[in-house]
Amino acid sequence: MSVDIRNMTPDDRETVLEMMRVFYASPAVLSDGSEEIFRQDVDTCLSDSPYLEGYMLEEKGVTQGYAMVAKSYSTEFGKPCIWIEDLYVKEPFRGQGIGSRFLHFIKTAYPGWVFRLEVEQENTRAIRIYEKCGFDVLPYMEMKQ
């Protein structure tokens, strides 16, 4: 099984919005999001924003999932940082290494950067994948306003 990873295009808009609705309604995400936020996120991925990039995960034109990554700088680690905001693989394609391949792709695209992500404690399958790919748990409490 292979996966092609490419930048999101305007033709992907509705497909990504459908996947976001499923992803954000699942227990893998704390927030339910909103249609307005989903559209804003996709629009930002499709713009020339230096902060957010969107990717499609597919094989032979069949969409398997999508990912969104945000760029920032980590003063804690003294390096630029990639936040893996969304990494969604459609149910029929899970367990085939697609998530691991995306993580390898993004680490290769941004060598020397710090990579961070959030995961719900109950999402043990994702946690195993992230640990296998070299991620460690940080004992932080996150706050927002």
C-alpha atoms as a PDB file:
ATOM      1  CA  MET A   1       0.000   0.000   0.000  1.00  0.00           C
ATOM      2  CA  SER A   2       1.409   3.354  -0.936  1.00  0.00           C
ATOM      3  CA  VAL A   3       0.209   6.843  -0.206  1.00  0.00           C
ATOM      4  CA  ASP A   4       0.685   9.937  -2.296  1.00  0.00           C
ATOM      5  CA  ILE A   5       0.899  13.142  -0.295  1.00  0.00           C
ATOM      6  CA  ARG A   6       0.229  16.400  -2.073  1.00  0.00           C
ATOM      7  CA  ASN A   7      -0.815  19.942  -1.270  1.00  0.00           C
ATOM      8  CA  MET A   8      -4.528  20.642  -0.999  1.00  0.00           C
ATOM      9  CA  THR A   9      -6.111  22.346  -4.017  1.00  0.00           C
ATOM     10  CA  PRO A  10      -9.428  24.181  -4.462  1.00  0.00           C
ATOM     11  CA  ASP A  11     -10.831  20.993  -6.060  1.00  0.00           C
ATOM     12  CA  ASP A  12     -10.352  19.240  -2.690  1.00  0.00           C
ATOM     13  CA  ARG A  13     -12.475  21.724  -0.714  1.00  0.00           C
ATOM     14  CA  GLU A  14     -15.715  19.709  -0.392  1.00  0.00           C
ATOM     15  CA  THR A  15     -13.897  16.409   0.170  1.00  0.00           C
ATOM     16  CA  VAL A  16     -11.862  17.934   2.996  1.00  0.00           C
ATOM     17  CA  LEU A  17     -14.933  19.576   4.541  1.00  0.00           C
ATOM     18  CA  GLU A  18     -16.704  16.188   4.578  1.00  0.00           C
ATOM     19  CA  MET A  19     -13.729  14.557   6.305  1.00  0.00           C
ATOM     20  CA  MET A  20     -13.454  17.414   8.812  1.00  0.00           C
ATOM     21  CA  ARG A  21     -17.104  16.967   9.794  1.00  0.00           C
ATOM     22  CA  VAL A  22     -16.461  13.275  10.526  1.00  0.00           C
ATOM     23  CA  PHE A  23     -13.132  13.889  12.267  1.00  0.00           C
ATOM     24  CA  TYR A  24     -14.399  16.676  14.539  1.00  0.00           C
ATOM     25  CA  ALA A  25     -17.521  14.714  15.485  1.00  0.00           C
ATOM     26  CA  SER A  26     -15.373  11.761  16.595  1.00  0.00           C
ATOM     27  CA  PRO A  27     -13.940  11.102  20.073  1.00  0.00           C
ATOM     28  CA  ALA A  28     -10.462  11.782  18.615  1.00  0.00           C
ATOM     29  CA  VAL A  29     -11.070  15.541  18.902  1.00  0.00           C
ATOM     30  CA  LEU A  30     -12.115  17.478  21.998  1.00  0.00           C
ATOM     31  CA  SER A  31     -13.931  20.228  20.066  1.00  0.00           C
ATOM     32  CA  ASP A  32     -16.825  19.658  17.685  1.00  0.00           C
ATOM     33  CA  GLY A  33     -15.676  22.589  15.571  1.00  0.00           C
ATOM     34  CA  SER A  34     -18.156  24.397  13.352  1.00  0.00           C
ATOM     35  CA  GLU A  35     -18.898  24.739   9.677  1.00  0.00           C
ATOM     36  CA  GLU A  36     -17.564  28.302   9.780  1.00  0.00           C
ATOM     37  CA  ILE A  37     -14.261  27.178  11.321  1.00  0.00           C
ATOM     38  CA  PHE A  38     -13.916  24.243   8.907  1.00  0.00           C
ATOM     39  CA  ARG A  39     -14.386  26.551   5.908  1.00  0.00           C
ATOM     40  CA  GLN A  40     -11.989  29.103   7.352  1.00  0.00           C
ATOM     41  CA  ASP A  41      -9.348  26.402   7.924  1.00  0.00           C
ATOM     42  CA  VAL A  42      -9.638  25.082   4.364  1.00  0.00           C
ATOM     43  CA  ASP A  43      -9.588  28.617   2.948  1.00  0.00           C
ATOM     44  CA  THR A  44      -6.411  29.336   4.915  1.00  0.00           C
ATOM     45  CA  CYS A  45      -4.783  26.134   3.623  1.00  0.00           C
ATOM     46  CA  LEU A  46      -5.632  27.198   0.078  1.00  0.00           C
ATOM     47  CA  SER A  47      -4.338  30.745   0.538  1.00  0.00           C
ATOM     48  CA  ASP A  48      -0.754  31.921   0.616  1.00  0.00           C
ATOM     49  CA  SER A  49      -0.806  31.944   4.432  1.00  0.00           C
ATOM     50  CA  PRO A  50       2.625  31.253   5.956  1.00  0.00           C
ATOM     51  CA  TYR A  51       0.926  29.648   8.979  1.00  0.00           C
ATOM     52  CA  LEU A  52      -1.198  26.721   7.775  1.00  0.00           C
ATOM     53  CA  GLU A  53      -0.639  24.066   5.110  1.00  0.00           C
ATOM     54  CA  GLY A  54      -3.109  21.424   3.959  1.00  0.00           C
ATOM     55  CA  TYR A  55      -2.258  18.022   2.495  1.00  0.00           C
ATOM     56  CA  MET A  56      -4.214  15.285   0.792  1.00  0.00           C
ATOM     57  CA  LEU A  57      -3.429  11.619   1.428  1.00  0.00           C
ATOM     58  CA  GLU A  58      -4.404   9.425  -1.501  1.00  0.00           C
ATOM     59  CA  GLU A  59      -3.559   6.459  -3.657  1.00  0.00           C
ATOM     60  CA  LYS A  60      -4.249   6.429  -7.383  1.00  0.00           C
ATOM     61  CA  GLY A  61      -6.645   9.355  -7.007  1.00  0.00           C
ATOM     62  CA  VAL A  62      -8.607   7.748  -4.141  1.00  0.00           C
ATOM     63  CA  THR A  63      -8.692  10.036  -1.105  1.00  0.00           C
ATOM     64  CA  GLN A  64      -7.553   8.252   2.042  1.00  0.00           C
ATOM     65  CA  GLY A  65      -7.391  11.251   4.347  1.00  0.00           C
ATOM     66  CA  TYR A  66      -6.080  14.741   4.897  1.00  0.00           C
ATOM     67  CA  ALA A  67      -3.700  16.622   7.164  1.00  0.00           C
ATOM     68  CA  MET A  68      -3.191  20.217   8.255  1.00  0.00           C
ATOM     69  CA  VAL A  69      -0.014  21.555   9.822  1.00  0.00           C
ATOM     70  CA  ALA A  70       0.614  24.948  11.414  1.00  0.00           C
ATOM     71  CA  LYS A  71       3.989  26.667  11.655  1.00  0.00           C
ATOM     72  CA  SER A  72       5.255  28.486  14.718  1.00  0.00           C
ATOM     73  CA  TYR A  73       8.433  28.953  16.751  1.00  0.00           C
ATOM     74  CA  SER A  74       9.163  27.132  20.012  1.00  0.00           C
ATOM     75  CA  THR A  75      11.071  29.261  22.501  1.00  0.00           C
ATOM     76  CA  GLU A  76      11.183  26.186  24.744  1.00  0.00           C
ATOM     77  CA  PHE A  77      13.213  24.255  22.157  1.00  0.00           C
ATOM     78  CA  GLY A  78      14.790  27.211  20.329  1.00  0.00           C
ATOM     79  CA  LYS A  79      13.585  26.039  16.915  1.00  0.00           C
ATOM     80  CA  PRO A  80      10.802  26.516  14.425  1.00  0.00           C
ATOM     81  CA  CYS A  81       7.879  24.222  15.150  1.00  0.00           C
ATOM     82  CA  ILE A  82       5.362  22.271  13.116  1.00  0.00           C
ATOM     83  CA  TRP A  83       2.068  21.615  14.893  1.00  0.00           C
ATOM     84  CA  ILE A  84       0.283  18.664  13.328  1.00  0.00           C
ATOM     85  CA  GLU A  85      -3.202  20.084  13.773  1.00  0.00           C
ATOM     86  CA  ASP A  86      -5.266  17.524  11.866  1.00  0.00           C
ATOM     87  CA  LEU A  87      -4.252  14.065  10.719  1.00  0.00           C
ATOM     88  CA  TYR A  88      -7.308  12.145   9.567  1.00  0.00           C
ATOM     89  CA  VAL A  89      -7.384   8.793   7.783  1.00  0.00           C
ATOM     90  CA  LYS A  90     -10.724   7.448   6.581  1.00  0.00           C
ATOM     91  CA  GLU A  91     -11.896   4.309   8.387  1.00  0.00           C
ATOM     92  CA  PRO A  92     -11.388   1.823   5.486  1.00  0.00           C
ATOM     93  CA  PHE A  93      -7.728   2.878   5.184  1.00  0.00           C
ATOM     94  CA  ARG A  94      -6.730   2.815   8.849  1.00  0.00           C
ATOM     95  CA  GLY A  95      -4.062   0.384   9.995  1.00  0.00           C
ATOM     96  CA  GLN A  96      -2.216   0.560   6.677  1.00  0.00           C
ATOM     97  CA  GLY A  97       0.612   2.870   7.763  1.00  0.00           C
ATOM     98  CA  ILE A  98      -0.803   6.017   6.151  1.00  0.00           C
ATOM     99  CA  GLY A  99      -0.470   8.142   9.294  1.00  0.00           C
ATOM    100  CA  SER A 100       3.114   6.962   9.807  1.00  0.00           C
ATOM    101  CA  ARG A 101       3.935   7.794   6.200  1.00  0.00           C
ATOM    102  CA  PHE A 102       2.567  11.294   6.599  1.00  0.00           C
ATOM    103  CA  LEU A 103       4.631  11.830   9.766  1.00  0.00           C
ATOM    104  CA  HIS A 104       7.764  10.670   7.918  1.00  0.00           C
ATOM    105  CA  PHE A 105       6.882  12.973   4.999  1.00  0.00           C
ATOM    106  CA  ILE A 106       6.441  16.060   7.177  1.00  0.00           C
ATOM    107  CA  LYS A 107       9.608  15.366   9.203  1.00  0.00           C
ATOM    108  CA  THR A 108      11.553  15.035   5.943  1.00  0.00           C
ATOM    109  CA  ALA A 109      10.022  18.250   4.566  1.00  0.00           C
ATOM    110  CA  TYR A 110      11.041  20.202   7.696  1.00  0.00           C
ATOM    111  CA  PRO A 111      14.350  18.762   8.950  1.00  0.00           C
ATOM    112  CA  GLY A 112      15.572  20.173  12.251  1.00  0.00           C
ATOM    113  CA  TRP A 113      12.155  21.521  13.253  1.00  0.00           C
ATOM    114  CA  VAL A 114      10.298  20.523  16.420  1.00  0.00           C
ATOM    115  CA  PHE A 115       7.129  18.504  15.761  1.00  0.00           C
ATOM    116  CA  ARG A 116       4.192  18.666  18.141  1.00  0.00           C
ATOM    117  CA  LEU A 117       0.666  17.331  18.174  1.00  0.00           C
ATOM    118  CA  GLU A 118      -2.256  16.758  20.481  1.00  0.00           C
ATOM    119  CA  VAL A 119      -3.986  13.443  21.006  1.00  0.00           C
ATOM    120  CA  GLU A 120      -6.895  12.403  23.207  1.00  0.00           C
ATOM    121  CA  GLN A 121      -5.847   9.900  25.898  1.00  0.00           C
ATOM    122  CA  GLU A 122      -8.578   7.515  24.759  1.00  0.00           C
ATOM    123  CA  ASN A 123      -7.152   7.388  21.229  1.00  0.00           C
ATOM    124  CA  THR A 124      -4.724   4.585  22.061  1.00  0.00           C
ATOM    125  CA  ARG A 125      -4.331   3.518  18.431  1.00  0.00           C
ATOM    126  CA  ALA A 126      -3.074   6.990  17.442  1.00  0.00           C
ATOM    127  CA  ILE A 127      -0.844   7.185  20.522  1.00  0.00           C
ATOM    128  CA  ARG A 128       0.859   3.917  19.518  1.00  0.00           C
ATOM    129  CA  ILE A 129       1.491   5.271  16.017  1.00  0.00           C
ATOM    130  CA  TYR A 130       2.892   8.550  17.333  1.00  0.00           C
ATOM    131  CA  GLU A 131       5.170   6.774  19.821  1.00  0.00           C
ATOM    132  CA  LYS A 132       6.351   4.406  17.083  1.00  0.00           C
ATOM    133  CA  CYS A 133       7.240   7.497  15.032  1.00  0.00           C
ATOM    134  CA  GLY A 134       9.344   8.952  17.854  1.00  0.00           C
ATOM    135  CA  PHE A 135       6.894  11.235  19.658  1.00  0.00           C
ATOM    136  CA  ASP A 136       7.034  11.462  23.464  1.00  0.00           C
ATOM    137  CA  VAL A 137       4.293  12.508  25.857  1.00  0.00           C
ATOM    138  CA  LEU A 138       4.787  15.983  27.324  1.00  0.00           C
ATOM    139  CA  PRO A 139       3.204  16.374  30.781  1.00  0.00           C
ATOM    140  CA  TYR A 140       1.558  19.730  30.069  1.00  0.00           C
ATOM    141  CA  MET A 141      -1.868  21.013  30.823  1.00  0.00           C
ATOM    142  CA  GLU A 142      -3.114  23.112  27.949  1.00  0.00           C
ATOM    143  CA  MET A 143      -5.254  26.172  28.519  1.00  0.00           C
ATOM    144  CA  LYS A 144      -7.216  28.400  26.144  1.00  0.00           C
ATOM    145  CA  GLN A 145      -9.492  31.382  26.346  1.00  0.00           C
END
